């Protein structure tokens, strides 16, 4: 068994696709619709699914977004150089919080807290 996809429900699909594509260079996979986009995130596909309009209309996203720290999930992206990405993000106005173990947390445009960490030098063995 293996995890093949992680999915996030979003209010503004176009904005969230632009954020994850621009921040992590995730490319869209074939099959995109006005309600769904699947991004190539290495060994796992990362899907963004539009929240139905009737529900999305009742959701308020602040600018800047308020971090949603009480969710039962957190996405973690491993990158070649987390420090370089942090500098790039902060230069574009995205605040990053250093974590004691060496990664960074950032907030996406809808308030989801996302962790960024440098790729490990050698794969972890379990």
Protein backbone atom coordinates (compact mmCIF):
# COMPACT_ATOMS: atom_id res chain seq x y z
CA UNK A 1 0.00 0.00 0.00
CA UNK A 2 1.13 3.56 -0.67
CA UNK A 3 -0.37 7.02 -0.45
CA UNK A 4 -1.02 8.25 -3.97
CA UNK A 5 -2.82 11.56 -3.44
CA UNK A 6 -3.39 14.24 -0.83
CA UNK A 7 -6.37 16.53 -1.45
CA UNK A 8 -7.19 19.96 -0.10
CA UNK A 9 -10.60 21.59 -0.43
CA UNK A 10 -10.19 25.25 -1.42
CA UNK A 11 -12.39 28.32 -1.84
CA UNK A 12 -10.44 29.93 -4.70
CA UNK A 13 -9.07 27.18 -6.94
CA UNK A 14 -7.22 29.47 -9.37
CA UNK A 15 -5.47 31.39 -6.57
CA UNK A 16 -4.46 28.24 -4.73
CA UNK A 17 -3.18 26.58 -7.90
CA UNK A 18 -1.10 29.69 -8.66
CA UNK A 19 0.30 29.68 -5.11
CA UNK A 20 1.35 26.02 -5.05
CA UNK A 21 2.66 26.14 -8.61
CA UNK A 22 4.59 29.36 -7.99
CA UNK A 23 5.91 28.46 -4.54
CA UNK A 24 6.86 24.83 -5.06
CA UNK A 25 6.97 24.60 -8.90
CA UNK A 26 4.30 21.87 -8.88
CA UNK A 27 3.07 21.20 -12.40
CA UNK A 28 -0.58 20.49 -13.17
CA UNK A 29 -1.40 17.00 -14.38
CA UNK A 30 -3.86 16.26 -17.21
CA UNK A 31 -7.55 16.26 -16.34
CA UNK A 32 -7.89 19.73 -14.82
CA UNK A 33 -11.42 21.16 -14.60
CA UNK A 34 -12.94 24.31 -13.11
CA UNK A 35 -13.46 22.30 -9.89
CA UNK A 36 -10.30 20.17 -9.73
CA UNK A 37 -6.60 20.35 -10.36
CA UNK A 38 -4.03 17.69 -9.57
CA UNK A 39 -0.40 18.72 -9.18
CA UNK A 40 2.70 16.56 -9.46
CA UNK A 41 4.36 16.68 -6.02
CA UNK A 42 7.02 14.03 -6.55
CA UNK A 43 5.88 10.61 -5.35
CA UNK A 44 2.42 11.86 -4.34
CA UNK A 45 -0.14 13.80 -6.35
CA UNK A 46 -1.48 16.91 -4.61
CA UNK A 47 -5.06 17.70 -5.57
CA UNK A 48 -6.97 20.93 -5.05
CA UNK A 49 -10.75 20.56 -5.10
CA UNK A 50 -13.07 23.57 -5.25
CA UNK A 51 -15.50 23.86 -2.36
CA UNK A 52 -19.08 23.96 -3.74
CA UNK A 53 -20.16 27.56 -4.43
CA UNK A 54 -23.00 27.49 -1.90
CA UNK A 55 -20.58 26.62 0.88
CA UNK A 56 -17.66 28.72 -0.41
CA UNK A 57 -19.86 31.83 -0.35
CA UNK A 58 -20.17 31.50 3.43
CA UNK A 59 -16.42 31.21 3.99
CA UNK A 60 -14.46 34.40 4.63
CA UNK A 61 -10.74 34.45 3.87
CA UNK A 62 -8.95 37.44 5.37
CA UNK A 63 -6.07 39.26 3.67
CA UNK A 64 -3.59 38.37 4.97
CA UNK A 65 -5.17 35.02 5.75
CA UNK A 66 -5.62 33.99 9.35
CA UNK A 67 -3.62 30.81 10.07
CA UNK A 68 -5.83 27.79 10.67
CA UNK A 69 -3.72 26.10 13.32
CA UNK A 70 -6.44 23.86 14.71
CA UNK A 71 -6.82 21.59 11.69
CA UNK A 72 -6.10 17.86 12.00
CA UNK A 73 -3.58 17.87 9.13
CA UNK A 74 -0.43 19.63 7.95
CA UNK A 75 1.23 19.39 4.57
CA UNK A 76 5.02 19.13 4.48
CA UNK A 77 7.03 19.85 1.35
CA UNK A 78 10.66 18.82 1.12
CA UNK A 79 12.78 21.12 -1.03
CA UNK A 80 16.43 21.25 -2.05
CA UNK A 81 17.15 24.33 0.08
CA UNK A 82 14.57 25.47 2.64
CA UNK A 83 16.62 28.53 3.64
CA UNK A 84 16.74 29.76 0.03
CA UNK A 85 12.98 29.25 -0.35
CA UNK A 86 12.32 31.03 2.94
CA UNK A 87 14.27 34.07 1.73
CA UNK A 88 12.36 34.05 -1.58
CA UNK A 89 8.99 33.76 0.16
CA UNK A 90 9.71 36.46 2.73
CA UNK A 91 10.89 38.79 -0.07
CA UNK A 92 7.46 38.32 -1.67
CA UNK A 93 5.65 39.08 1.60
CA UNK A 94 4.94 35.55 2.84
CA UNK A 95 5.86 35.21 6.50
CA UNK A 96 7.75 32.07 7.50
CA UNK A 97 8.19 30.79 11.04
CA UNK A 98 11.39 28.85 11.81
CA UNK A 99 10.77 25.52 13.53
CA UNK A 100 13.25 24.17 16.12
CA UNK A 101 14.00 21.07 14.01
CA UNK A 102 15.14 23.14 11.04
CA UNK A 103 12.09 23.57 8.81
CA UNK A 104 9.75 26.51 8.29
CA UNK A 105 6.02 26.97 8.52
CA UNK A 106 4.20 29.30 6.16
CA UNK A 107 0.56 30.16 5.60
CA UNK A 108 -1.01 29.63 2.18
CA UNK A 109 -3.58 32.11 0.76
CA UNK A 110 -6.46 30.33 2.53
CA UNK A 111 -4.80 30.03 5.94
CA UNK A 112 -3.50 26.46 5.75
CA UNK A 113 -0.22 26.05 7.59
CA UNK A 114 2.36 24.36 5.39
CA UNK A 115 5.78 23.11 6.46
CA UNK A 116 8.87 23.44 4.26
CA UNK A 117 11.97 21.39 5.04
CA UNK A 118 15.24 20.66 3.28
CA UNK A 119 15.47 17.22 1.72
CA UNK A 120 17.31 14.80 3.99
CA UNK A 121 20.85 13.88 2.93
CA UNK A 122 19.97 10.18 3.09
CA UNK A 123 16.52 8.58 3.05
CA UNK A 124 15.10 7.72 6.45
CA UNK A 125 14.78 4.01 7.15
CA UNK A 126 11.82 2.72 9.12
